[in-house]
Amino acid sequence: MHLLVAVGTDRHPFDRLVDWLCEWHAEVADRVDLTVQHGHTRAPVRPDAVPFLCHDALQAAMAGSDLVVCHGGPATILEARRHGHLPIVVPRDPAHGEHVDDHQQLFCRRLGAAGMVALCESREALRGALGSGLADPDRFAISADAAADAQRAAVRRVGQIVEDLVAASARRRPRAWWPWRRPGRAGARR
C-alpha cells in the first residue's frame, strides 16, 4: 500500500501532522510505503520526504497512492477527490501556529459533515482513519466527483447552444444593404 501525505505550500510549519504520521508509520512500515511532502515543516528523517512537489509530480503521486492524507487546503482536497480519493484531512490549527486563522478548520468541518472528506482533528481520529484505510483502502476510494460530471455536462450544453446559434445565423437571409451616412453630413456643401 502507498500513502501520500501532503501539507501544501503554506509558510507555516505543520509539525503536528508530520509527527503523527511518522509515529503511526513506524508501527506499520512493513505494510505501507510513505511519501511525505512536508513543505515548510521540519523535515522528517525519512528518505521519502520532500519539501515540495511540482504540480505534475503531485498529480502523479496522488494517482499512484492508495490513500491521501492532507492539510485542509481546498485545492489539495479537490485534487485528491479528482484522483478518486476520499482524502483523510487534518486541518491546520492557528492555536498551534499552523496558520493565520481557523478557515481550514471551518471549511473541513463543513466538508466532513457533507461526507466529502474524512475529517481528523485529533491524533486518535487520524489513527482510526489510517487503520480503516489500511484494512480496507476502498473505504477511501470515490468515483468521479459529481461536480466535475456536472461541469462537463454544462460545457457540452453551452457548446451545443453555440453551435445551434451559429448554424441558425448561417441560414438567415442576408439583410438589405443600406448606405450609411453620418448624421448631420447629408447634403453638406463643400
N, C-alpha and C. Protein backbone atom coordinates (compact mmCIF):
# COMPACT_ATOMS: atom_id res chain seq x y z
N MET A 1 0.85 -1.18 0.00
CA MET A 1 0.00 0.00 0.00
C MET A 1 0.89 1.23 0.00
N HIS A 2 0.44 2.26 -0.73
CA HIS A 2 1.20 3.52 -0.76
C HIS A 2 0.33 4.65 -0.20
N LEU A 3 0.91 5.43 0.68
CA LEU A 3 0.24 6.56 1.33
C LEU A 3 0.98 7.84 0.99
N LEU A 4 0.24 8.84 0.52
CA LEU A 4 0.79 10.17 0.27
C LEU A 4 0.32 11.11 1.36
N VAL A 5 1.26 11.87 1.91
CA VAL A 5 0.96 12.92 2.88
C VAL A 5 1.36 14.24 2.24
N ALA A 6 0.42 15.18 2.15
CA ALA A 6 0.70 16.48 1.53
C ALA A 6 0.26 17.59 2.47
N VAL A 7 1.24 18.41 2.89
CA VAL A 7 0.92 19.52 3.80
C VAL A 7 0.78 20.84 3.07
N GLY A 8 0.99 20.85 1.75
CA GLY A 8 0.82 22.08 0.98
C GLY A 8 2.05 22.96 1.01
N THR A 9 1.85 24.21 0.61
CA THR A 9 2.97 25.13 0.45
C THR A 9 2.93 26.33 1.39
N ASP A 10 1.98 26.35 2.31
CA ASP A 10 1.88 27.47 3.24
C ASP A 10 3.18 27.62 4.03
N ARG A 11 3.53 28.85 4.35
CA ARG A 11 4.80 29.13 5.04
C ARG A 11 4.81 28.68 6.50
N HIS A 12 3.64 28.36 7.05
CA HIS A 12 3.57 27.92 8.44
C HIS A 12 3.92 26.44 8.54
N PRO A 13 4.72 26.06 9.54
CA PRO A 13 5.04 24.63 9.69
C PRO A 13 3.81 23.84 10.15
N PHE A 14 3.81 22.56 9.82
CA PHE A 14 2.71 21.68 10.22
C PHE A 14 3.31 20.42 10.85
N ASP A 15 4.16 20.64 11.86
CA ASP A 15 4.86 19.54 12.53
C ASP A 15 3.90 18.52 13.12
N ARG A 16 2.79 18.98 13.63
CA ARG A 16 1.83 18.09 14.28
C ARG A 16 1.42 16.96 13.33
N LEU A 17 1.01 17.28 12.12
CA LEU A 17 0.58 16.24 11.17
C LEU A 17 1.73 15.32 10.79
N VAL A 18 2.87 15.89 10.46
CA VAL A 18 4.01 15.07 10.04
C VAL A 18 4.46 14.17 11.19
N ASP A 19 4.51 14.68 12.41
CA ASP A 19 4.89 13.85 13.56
C ASP A 19 3.90 12.71 13.77
N TRP A 20 2.60 13.01 13.73
CA TRP A 20 1.58 11.97 13.90
C TRP A 20 1.73 10.87 12.86
N LEU A 21 1.98 11.28 11.61
CA LEU A 21 2.11 10.30 10.52
C LEU A 21 3.35 9.45 10.68
N CYS A 22 4.46 10.08 11.04
CA CYS A 22 5.70 9.33 11.21
C CYS A 22 5.61 8.35 12.38
N GLU A 23 4.97 8.75 13.47
CA GLU A 23 4.76 7.84 14.60
C GLU A 23 3.93 6.64 14.17
N TRP A 24 2.84 6.89 13.47
CA TRP A 24 1.96 5.80 13.01
C TRP A 24 2.71 4.90 12.03
N HIS A 25 3.45 5.52 11.11
CA HIS A 25 4.14 4.73 10.09
C HIS A 25 5.19 3.81 10.70
N ALA A 26 5.83 4.21 11.80
CA ALA A 26 6.82 3.36 12.45
C ALA A 26 6.21 2.02 12.86
N GLU A 27 4.91 2.01 13.13
CA GLU A 27 4.23 0.78 13.55
C GLU A 27 3.81 -0.10 12.37
N VAL A 28 3.71 0.48 11.18
CA VAL A 28 3.18 -0.27 10.02
C VAL A 28 4.11 -0.20 8.81
N ALA A 29 5.37 0.16 9.03
CA ALA A 29 6.30 0.39 7.92
C ALA A 29 6.44 -0.81 7.00
N ASP A 30 6.26 -2.01 7.53
CA ASP A 30 6.39 -3.21 6.69
C ASP A 30 5.23 -3.36 5.71
N ARG A 31 4.13 -2.65 5.94
CA ARG A 31 2.95 -2.77 5.08
C ARG A 31 2.62 -1.52 4.28
N VAL A 32 3.26 -0.40 4.60
CA VAL A 32 2.89 0.88 3.98
C VAL A 32 4.13 1.63 3.49
N ASP A 33 4.13 1.97 2.20
CA ASP A 33 5.13 2.90 1.66
C ASP A 33 4.58 4.30 1.88
N LEU A 34 5.45 5.22 2.21
CA LEU A 34 5.00 6.56 2.58
C LEU A 34 5.79 7.61 1.81
N THR A 35 5.08 8.57 1.24
CA THR A 35 5.71 9.76 0.66
C THR A 35 5.19 10.95 1.45
N VAL A 36 6.10 11.76 1.98
CA VAL A 36 5.72 12.92 2.78
C VAL A 36 6.17 14.19 2.07
N GLN A 37 5.22 15.01 1.64
CA GLN A 37 5.51 16.35 1.12
C GLN A 37 5.34 17.26 2.32
N HIS A 38 6.46 17.73 2.89
CA HIS A 38 6.41 18.42 4.18
C HIS A 38 6.43 19.93 4.11
N GLY A 39 6.65 20.54 2.94
CA GLY A 39 6.61 21.99 2.83
C GLY A 39 7.60 22.66 3.75
N HIS A 40 7.13 23.65 4.52
CA HIS A 40 7.99 24.41 5.43
C HIS A 40 8.06 23.77 6.81
N THR A 41 7.50 22.59 6.94
CA THR A 41 7.57 21.84 8.19
C THR A 41 8.99 21.28 8.35
N ARG A 42 9.41 21.12 9.59
CA ARG A 42 10.70 20.49 9.86
C ARG A 42 10.76 19.15 9.10
N ALA A 43 11.80 18.94 8.34
CA ALA A 43 11.91 17.74 7.51
C ALA A 43 12.05 16.49 8.38
N PRO A 44 11.16 15.52 8.17
CA PRO A 44 11.31 14.28 8.92
C PRO A 44 12.53 13.51 8.40
N VAL A 45 13.14 12.72 9.26
CA VAL A 45 14.31 11.94 8.86
C VAL A 45 13.79 10.69 8.14
N ARG A 46 13.54 10.88 6.84
CA ARG A 46 12.98 9.80 6.02
C ARG A 46 13.51 9.97 4.60
N PRO A 47 13.80 8.88 3.94
CA PRO A 47 14.26 9.01 2.55
C PRO A 47 13.14 9.42 1.59
N ASP A 48 11.90 9.24 2.01
CA ASP A 48 10.76 9.53 1.13
C ASP A 48 10.11 10.88 1.44
N ALA A 49 10.84 11.76 2.12
CA ALA A 49 10.32 13.09 2.46
C ALA A 49 10.87 14.12 1.49
N VAL A 50 9.98 14.94 0.96
CA VAL A 50 10.38 16.01 0.04
C VAL A 50 9.71 17.30 0.49
N PRO A 51 10.41 18.43 0.38
CA PRO A 51 9.77 19.68 0.81
C PRO A 51 8.57 20.04 -0.07
N PHE A 52 8.76 19.95 -1.39
CA PHE A 52 7.68 20.35 -2.30
C PHE A 52 7.65 19.40 -3.49
N LEU A 53 6.49 19.30 -4.09
CA LEU A 53 6.31 18.57 -5.33
C LEU A 53 5.73 19.55 -6.34
N CYS A 54 6.29 19.56 -7.55
CA CYS A 54 5.68 20.40 -8.58
C CYS A 54 4.29 19.83 -8.89
N HIS A 55 3.48 20.59 -9.57
CA HIS A 55 2.10 20.19 -9.82
C HIS A 55 2.02 18.81 -10.48
N ASP A 56 2.82 18.58 -11.51
CA ASP A 56 2.78 17.29 -12.21
C ASP A 56 3.19 16.15 -11.29
N ALA A 57 4.22 16.36 -10.48
CA ALA A 57 4.67 15.32 -9.55
C ALA A 57 3.62 15.04 -8.49
N LEU A 58 2.95 16.09 -8.01
CA LEU A 58 1.88 15.89 -7.03
C LEU A 58 0.73 15.10 -7.64
N GLN A 59 0.38 15.42 -8.89
CA GLN A 59 -0.70 14.69 -9.57
C GLN A 59 -0.32 13.22 -9.72
N ALA A 60 0.92 12.96 -10.12
CA ALA A 60 1.38 11.58 -10.28
C ALA A 60 1.37 10.85 -8.94
N ALA A 61 1.80 11.53 -7.88
CA ALA A 61 1.81 10.91 -6.55
C ALA A 61 0.40 10.58 -6.09
N MET A 62 -0.55 11.48 -6.34
CA MET A 62 -1.94 11.21 -5.96
C MET A 62 -2.50 10.05 -6.77
N ALA A 63 -2.19 10.03 -8.06
CA ALA A 63 -2.70 8.96 -8.92
C ALA A 63 -2.14 7.61 -8.51
N GLY A 64 -0.90 7.59 -8.00
CA GLY A 64 -0.28 6.33 -7.63
C GLY A 64 -0.45 5.92 -6.19
N SER A 65 -1.22 6.67 -5.42
CA SER A 65 -1.40 6.38 -3.99
C SER A 65 -2.71 5.65 -3.73
N ASP A 66 -2.69 4.83 -2.69
CA ASP A 66 -3.91 4.15 -2.25
C ASP A 66 -4.70 5.04 -1.30
N LEU A 67 -3.99 5.84 -0.51
CA LEU A 67 -4.61 6.76 0.44
C LEU A 67 -3.91 8.10 0.36
N VAL A 68 -4.66 9.17 0.60
CA VAL A 68 -4.09 10.52 0.63
C VAL A 68 -4.48 11.17 1.95
N VAL A 69 -3.47 11.63 2.67
CA VAL A 69 -3.67 12.42 3.89
C VAL A 69 -3.17 13.82 3.56
N CYS A 70 -3.96 14.84 3.90
CA CYS A 70 -3.54 16.19 3.56
C CYS A 70 -4.03 17.21 4.58
N HIS A 71 -3.50 18.41 4.43
CA HIS A 71 -3.95 19.56 5.21
C HIS A 71 -5.33 19.97 4.67
N GLY A 72 -5.90 21.02 5.22
CA GLY A 72 -7.24 21.43 4.82
C GLY A 72 -7.30 22.44 3.69
N GLY A 73 -6.30 22.46 2.84
CA GLY A 73 -6.31 23.38 1.70
C GLY A 73 -7.30 22.93 0.64
N PRO A 74 -8.18 23.83 0.20
CA PRO A 74 -9.20 23.45 -0.78
C PRO A 74 -8.64 22.84 -2.05
N ALA A 75 -7.56 23.39 -2.59
CA ALA A 75 -7.02 22.85 -3.85
C ALA A 75 -6.51 21.43 -3.66
N THR A 76 -5.82 21.17 -2.57
CA THR A 76 -5.30 19.82 -2.32
C THR A 76 -6.44 18.84 -2.15
N ILE A 77 -7.46 19.23 -1.41
CA ILE A 77 -8.62 18.36 -1.20
C ILE A 77 -9.30 18.05 -2.53
N LEU A 78 -9.52 19.07 -3.34
CA LEU A 78 -10.21 18.86 -4.62
C LEU A 78 -9.38 18.02 -5.57
N GLU A 79 -8.07 18.21 -5.58
CA GLU A 79 -7.21 17.38 -6.44
C GLU A 79 -7.26 15.93 -5.98
N ALA A 80 -7.22 15.69 -4.68
CA ALA A 80 -7.30 14.31 -4.18
C ALA A 80 -8.61 13.67 -4.62
N ARG A 81 -9.70 14.40 -4.49
CA ARG A 81 -11.01 13.87 -4.92
C ARG A 81 -11.03 13.62 -6.42
N ARG A 82 -10.42 14.51 -7.17
CA ARG A 82 -10.39 14.34 -8.63
C ARG A 82 -9.66 13.05 -9.01
N HIS A 83 -8.71 12.64 -8.17
CA HIS A 83 -7.98 11.40 -8.42
C HIS A 83 -8.66 10.19 -7.79
N GLY A 84 -9.88 10.35 -7.33
CA GLY A 84 -10.63 9.22 -6.81
C GLY A 84 -10.40 8.88 -5.36
N HIS A 85 -9.87 9.83 -4.59
CA HIS A 85 -9.62 9.60 -3.17
C HIS A 85 -10.61 10.38 -2.31
N LEU A 86 -11.08 9.75 -1.25
CA LEU A 86 -11.74 10.48 -0.18
C LEU A 86 -10.59 10.88 0.74
N PRO A 87 -10.14 12.14 0.69
CA PRO A 87 -8.94 12.49 1.45
C PRO A 87 -9.17 12.45 2.95
N ILE A 88 -8.15 11.96 3.64
CA ILE A 88 -8.11 12.00 5.09
C ILE A 88 -7.48 13.35 5.42
N VAL A 89 -8.25 14.23 6.05
CA VAL A 89 -7.84 15.63 6.19
C VAL A 89 -7.63 16.02 7.65
N VAL A 90 -6.47 16.61 7.89
CA VAL A 90 -6.16 17.21 9.19
C VAL A 90 -6.00 18.71 8.93
N PRO A 91 -6.99 19.52 9.32
CA PRO A 91 -6.87 20.96 9.06
C PRO A 91 -5.82 21.60 9.96
N ARG A 92 -5.17 22.61 9.42
CA ARG A 92 -4.20 23.36 10.21
C ARG A 92 -4.93 24.12 11.32
N ASP A 93 -4.27 24.22 12.47
CA ASP A 93 -4.87 24.86 13.64
C ASP A 93 -4.05 26.10 14.02
N PRO A 94 -4.67 27.29 13.98
CA PRO A 94 -3.91 28.50 14.32
C PRO A 94 -3.42 28.50 15.77
N ALA A 95 -4.07 27.76 16.65
CA ALA A 95 -3.64 27.70 18.04
C ALA A 95 -2.25 27.05 18.17
N HIS A 96 -1.86 26.28 17.16
CA HIS A 96 -0.53 25.65 17.13
C HIS A 96 0.43 26.39 16.21
N GLY A 97 0.03 27.57 15.72
CA GLY A 97 0.88 28.33 14.81
C GLY A 97 0.95 27.75 13.41
N GLU A 98 -0.06 26.95 13.04
CA GLU A 98 -0.05 26.27 11.74
C GLU A 98 -0.70 27.09 10.63
N HIS A 99 -1.38 28.15 11.00
CA HIS A 99 -2.00 29.03 10.02
C HIS A 99 -2.38 30.35 10.70
N VAL A 100 -2.87 31.31 9.92
CA VAL A 100 -3.18 32.62 10.48
C VAL A 100 -4.57 32.68 11.11
N ASP A 101 -5.47 31.80 10.68
CA ASP A 101 -6.82 31.79 11.24
C ASP A 101 -7.40 30.38 11.13
N ASP A 102 -8.68 30.26 11.47
CA ASP A 102 -9.30 28.93 11.53
C ASP A 102 -10.08 28.56 10.27
N HIS A 103 -9.78 29.18 9.14
CA HIS A 103 -10.57 28.91 7.93
C HIS A 103 -10.47 27.45 7.49
N GLN A 104 -9.31 26.80 7.67
CA GLN A 104 -9.21 25.39 7.28
C GLN A 104 -10.10 24.52 8.16
N GLN A 105 -10.13 24.82 9.44
CA GLN A 105 -10.98 24.04 10.34
C GLN A 105 -12.45 24.18 9.97
N LEU A 106 -12.89 25.41 9.75
CA LEU A 106 -14.30 25.65 9.41
C LEU A 106 -14.66 24.99 8.08
N PHE A 107 -13.80 25.15 7.08
CA PHE A 107 -14.03 24.57 5.76
C PHE A 107 -14.09 23.04 5.84
N CYS A 108 -13.13 22.45 6.54
CA CYS A 108 -13.06 20.99 6.62
C CYS A 108 -14.20 20.40 7.45
N ARG A 109 -14.65 21.10 8.45
CA ARG A 109 -15.80 20.61 9.22
C ARG A 109 -17.04 20.56 8.34
N ARG A 110 -17.20 21.56 7.51
CA ARG A 110 -18.34 21.57 6.58
C ARG A 110 -18.22 20.41 5.59
N LEU A 111 -17.02 20.22 5.02
CA LEU A 111 -16.83 19.11 4.08
C LEU A 111 -16.98 17.76 4.77
N GLY A 112 -16.49 17.67 6.00
CA GLY A 112 -16.63 16.43 6.75
C GLY A 112 -18.09 16.09 7.00
N ALA A 113 -18.88 17.10 7.37
CA ALA A 113 -20.32 16.88 7.60
C ALA A 113 -21.03 16.45 6.33
N ALA A 114 -20.52 16.88 5.17
CA ALA A 114 -21.12 16.51 3.88
C ALA A 114 -20.57 15.19 3.35
N GLY A 115 -19.63 14.58 4.07
CA GLY A 115 -19.06 13.32 3.63
C GLY A 115 -18.05 13.46 2.50
N MET A 116 -17.51 14.66 2.31
CA MET A 116 -16.57 14.88 1.21
C MET A 116 -15.11 14.69 1.62
N VAL A 117 -14.85 14.61 2.91
CA VAL A 117 -13.52 14.30 3.43
C VAL A 117 -13.70 13.45 4.68
N ALA A 118 -12.63 12.74 5.06
CA ALA A 118 -12.60 12.07 6.35
C ALA A 118 -11.86 13.03 7.27
N LEU A 119 -12.60 13.75 8.09
CA LEU A 119 -12.03 14.80 8.94
C LEU A 119 -11.40 14.19 10.18
N CYS A 120 -10.16 14.58 10.45
CA CYS A 120 -9.43 14.10 11.62
C CYS A 120 -8.82 15.30 12.33
N GLU A 121 -9.38 15.65 13.47
CA GLU A 121 -8.86 16.81 14.21
C GLU A 121 -8.05 16.39 15.44
N SER A 122 -7.83 15.10 15.59
CA SER A 122 -7.02 14.62 16.70
C SER A 122 -6.14 13.46 16.22
N ARG A 123 -5.11 13.17 17.01
CA ARG A 123 -4.23 12.05 16.70
C ARG A 123 -5.03 10.75 16.66
N GLU A 124 -5.95 10.60 17.59
CA GLU A 124 -6.75 9.37 17.66
C GLU A 124 -7.63 9.21 16.43
N ALA A 125 -8.25 10.30 15.99
CA ALA A 125 -9.11 10.24 14.80
C ALA A 125 -8.27 9.89 13.57
N LEU A 126 -7.07 10.45 13.47
CA LEU A 126 -6.19 10.15 12.34
C LEU A 126 -5.78 8.68 12.37
N ARG A 127 -5.38 8.19 13.53
CA ARG A 127 -5.01 6.78 13.65
C ARG A 127 -6.18 5.87 13.27
N GLY A 128 -7.38 6.24 13.70
CA GLY A 128 -8.55 5.44 13.35
C GLY A 128 -8.79 5.40 11.85
N ALA A 129 -8.70 6.56 11.20
CA ALA A 129 -8.91 6.62 9.75
C ALA A 129 -7.82 5.83 9.02
N LEU A 130 -6.58 5.98 9.45
CA LEU A 130 -5.49 5.25 8.81
C LEU A 130 -5.64 3.74 9.01
N GLY A 131 -6.07 3.34 10.20
CA GLY A 131 -6.31 1.92 10.45
C GLY A 131 -7.40 1.38 9.54
N SER A 132 -8.47 2.14 9.38
CA SER A 132 -9.56 1.74 8.47
C SER A 132 -9.06 1.67 7.03
N GLY A 133 -8.26 2.63 6.64
CA GLY A 133 -7.72 2.65 5.28
C GLY A 133 -6.76 1.51 5.01
N LEU A 134 -5.99 1.15 6.01
CA LEU A 134 -5.06 0.04 5.88
C LEU A 134 -5.83 -1.28 5.76
N ALA A 135 -6.90 -1.42 6.54
CA ALA A 135 -7.72 -2.63 6.49
C ALA A 135 -8.54 -2.72 5.21
N ASP A 136 -9.03 -1.57 4.72
CA ASP A 136 -9.87 -1.55 3.52
C ASP A 136 -9.66 -0.25 2.76
N PRO A 137 -8.66 -0.22 1.87
CA PRO A 137 -8.37 1.02 1.13
C PRO A 137 -9.56 1.52 0.31
N ASP A 138 -10.44 0.61 -0.11
CA ASP A 138 -11.60 1.02 -0.90
C ASP A 138 -12.55 1.92 -0.12
N ARG A 139 -12.44 1.89 1.20
CA ARG A 139 -13.29 2.76 2.02
C ARG A 139 -13.01 4.23 1.71
N PHE A 140 -11.79 4.52 1.24
CA PHE A 140 -11.41 5.90 0.94
C PHE A 140 -11.25 6.15 -0.56
N ALA A 141 -11.91 5.29 -1.35
CA ALA A 141 -11.93 5.48 -2.80
C ALA A 141 -13.31 6.01 -3.19
N ILE A 142 -13.34 6.95 -4.09
CA ILE A 142 -14.61 7.51 -4.55
C ILE A 142 -14.64 7.49 -6.07
N SER A 143 -15.82 7.58 -6.61
CA SER A 143 -15.93 7.69 -8.07
C SER A 143 -15.70 9.15 -8.45
N ALA A 144 -15.72 9.40 -9.73
CA ALA A 144 -15.50 10.77 -10.20
C ALA A 144 -16.44 11.72 -9.48
N ASP A 145 -15.93 12.86 -9.16
CA ASP A 145 -16.69 13.88 -8.44
C ASP A 145 -17.92 14.29 -9.25
N ALA A 146 -19.08 14.25 -8.64
CA ALA A 146 -20.32 14.62 -9.33
C ALA A 146 -20.26 16.05 -9.86
N ALA A 147 -19.59 16.92 -9.15
CA ALA A 147 -19.47 18.30 -9.60
C ALA A 147 -18.69 18.37 -10.92
N ALA A 148 -17.67 17.53 -11.04
CA ALA A 148 -16.90 17.51 -12.28
C ALA A 148 -17.76 16.99 -13.43
N ASP A 149 -18.59 15.97 -13.15
CA ASP A 149 -19.50 15.47 -14.19
C ASP A 149 -20.49 16.55 -14.60
N ALA A 150 -21.03 17.27 -13.63
CA ALA A 150 -21.99 18.34 -13.93
C ALA A 150 -21.32 19.45 -14.73
N GLN A 151 -20.09 19.75 -14.39
CA GLN A 151 -19.35 20.79 -15.11
C GLN A 151 -19.13 20.38 -16.57
N ARG A 152 -18.72 19.13 -16.78
CA ARG A 152 -18.52 18.65 -18.16
C ARG A 152 -19.83 18.69 -18.94
N ALA A 153 -20.95 18.31 -18.31
CA ALA A 153 -22.25 18.35 -18.98
C ALA A 153 -22.63 19.79 -19.34
N ALA A 154 -22.36 20.73 -18.43
CA ALA A 154 -22.67 22.14 -18.70
C ALA A 154 -21.84 22.67 -19.87
N VAL A 155 -20.57 22.29 -19.92
CA VAL A 155 -19.71 22.74 -21.02
C VAL A 155 -20.22 22.17 -22.34
N ARG A 156 -20.62 20.89 -22.34
CA ARG A 156 -21.17 20.30 -23.57
C ARG A 156 -22.44 21.03 -23.99
N ARG A 157 -23.30 21.37 -23.04
CA ARG A 157 -24.56 22.06 -23.35
C ARG A 157 -24.30 23.45 -23.93
N VAL A 158 -23.39 24.20 -23.33
CA VAL A 158 -23.05 25.53 -23.85
C VAL A 158 -22.49 25.40 -25.26
N GLY A 159 -21.64 24.42 -25.47
CA GLY A 159 -21.09 24.19 -26.81
C GLY A 159 -22.18 23.91 -27.83
N GLN A 160 -23.17 23.12 -27.43
CA GLN A 160 -24.28 22.81 -28.33
C GLN A 160 -25.11 24.06 -28.64
N ILE A 161 -25.35 24.87 -27.64
CA ILE A 161 -26.10 26.12 -27.84
C ILE A 161 -25.36 27.02 -28.82
N VAL A 162 -24.06 27.15 -28.66
CA VAL A 162 -23.27 27.99 -29.57
C VAL A 162 -23.33 27.44 -30.99
N GLU A 163 -23.18 26.14 -31.13
CA GLU A 163 -23.26 25.53 -32.47
C GLU A 163 -24.62 25.78 -33.10
N ASP A 164 -25.69 25.64 -32.32
CA ASP A 164 -27.04 25.88 -32.84
C ASP A 164 -27.21 27.34 -33.28
N LEU A 165 -26.70 28.28 -32.49
CA LEU A 165 -26.80 29.70 -32.84
C LEU A 165 -26.03 30.01 -34.12
N VAL A 166 -24.85 29.46 -34.25
CA VAL A 166 -24.04 29.69 -35.45
C VAL A 166 -24.75 29.11 -36.67
N ALA A 167 -25.28 27.90 -36.53
CA ALA A 167 -25.98 27.27 -37.66
C ALA A 167 -27.22 28.08 -38.04
N ALA A 168 -27.96 28.57 -37.04
CA ALA A 168 -29.17 29.35 -37.32
C ALA A 168 -28.82 30.66 -38.01
N SER A 169 -27.75 31.31 -37.61
CA SER A 169 -27.40 32.59 -38.24
C SER A 169 -26.91 32.37 -39.67
N ALA A 170 -26.34 31.23 -39.96
CA ALA A 170 -25.88 30.94 -41.32
C ALA A 170 -27.06 30.72 -42.26
N ARG A 171 -28.19 30.29 -41.73
CA ARG A 171 -29.38 30.03 -42.54
C ARG A 171 -30.20 31.29 -42.81
N ARG A 172 -29.97 32.36 -42.07
CA ARG A 172 -30.74 33.59 -42.26
C ARG A 172 -30.40 34.24 -43.59
N ARG A 173 -31.39 34.91 -44.15
CA ARG A 173 -31.14 35.66 -45.39
C ARG A 173 -30.32 36.89 -45.05
N PRO A 174 -29.45 37.28 -45.95
CA PRO A 174 -28.67 38.49 -45.67
C PRO A 174 -29.58 39.72 -45.66
N ARG A 175 -29.26 40.66 -44.83
CA ARG A 175 -30.04 41.89 -44.75
C ARG A 175 -29.74 42.77 -45.97
N ALA A 176 -30.72 43.58 -46.30
CA ALA A 176 -30.51 44.53 -47.40
C ALA A 176 -29.45 45.53 -46.97
N TRP A 177 -28.66 45.96 -47.92
CA TRP A 177 -27.61 46.90 -47.60
C TRP A 177 -28.16 48.31 -47.66
N TRP A 178 -27.93 49.08 -46.64
CA TRP A 178 -28.36 50.48 -46.59
C TRP A 178 -27.13 51.35 -46.56
N PRO A 179 -27.07 52.32 -47.43
CA PRO A 179 -25.90 53.20 -47.37
C PRO A 179 -25.94 53.98 -46.06
N TRP A 180 -24.85 54.05 -45.45
CA TRP A 180 -24.78 54.74 -44.16
C TRP A 180 -24.22 56.13 -44.39
N ARG A 181 -24.87 57.09 -43.77
CA ARG A 181 -24.39 58.47 -43.83
C ARG A 181 -24.24 58.98 -42.41
N ARG A 182 -23.24 59.73 -42.25
CA ARG A 182 -23.02 60.32 -40.95
C ARG A 182 -24.11 61.31 -40.64
N PRO A 183 -24.67 61.29 -39.45
CA PRO A 183 -25.70 62.26 -39.09
C PRO A 183 -25.16 63.68 -39.22
N GLY A 184 -25.98 64.56 -39.78
CA GLY A 184 -25.59 65.96 -39.91
C GLY A 184 -24.71 66.23 -41.11
N ARG A 185 -24.35 65.24 -41.87
CA ARG A 185 -23.48 65.43 -43.02
C ARG A 185 -24.24 65.32 -44.34
N ALA A 186 -25.42 64.78 -44.30
CA ALA A 186 -26.16 64.60 -45.55
C ALA A 186 -26.44 65.96 -46.18
N GLY A 187 -26.07 66.12 -47.37
CA GLY A 187 -26.33 67.36 -48.09
C GLY A 187 -25.41 68.49 -47.72
N ALA A 188 -24.35 68.24 -46.96
CA ALA A 188 -23.41 69.31 -46.60
C ALA A 188 -22.68 69.79 -47.84
N ARG A 189 -22.47 71.10 -47.90
CA ARG A 189 -21.77 71.68 -49.06
C ARG A 189 -20.27 71.67 -48.82
N ARG A 190 -19.59 71.59 -49.93
CA ARG A 190 -18.13 71.60 -49.83
C ARG A 190 -17.59 72.93 -50.07
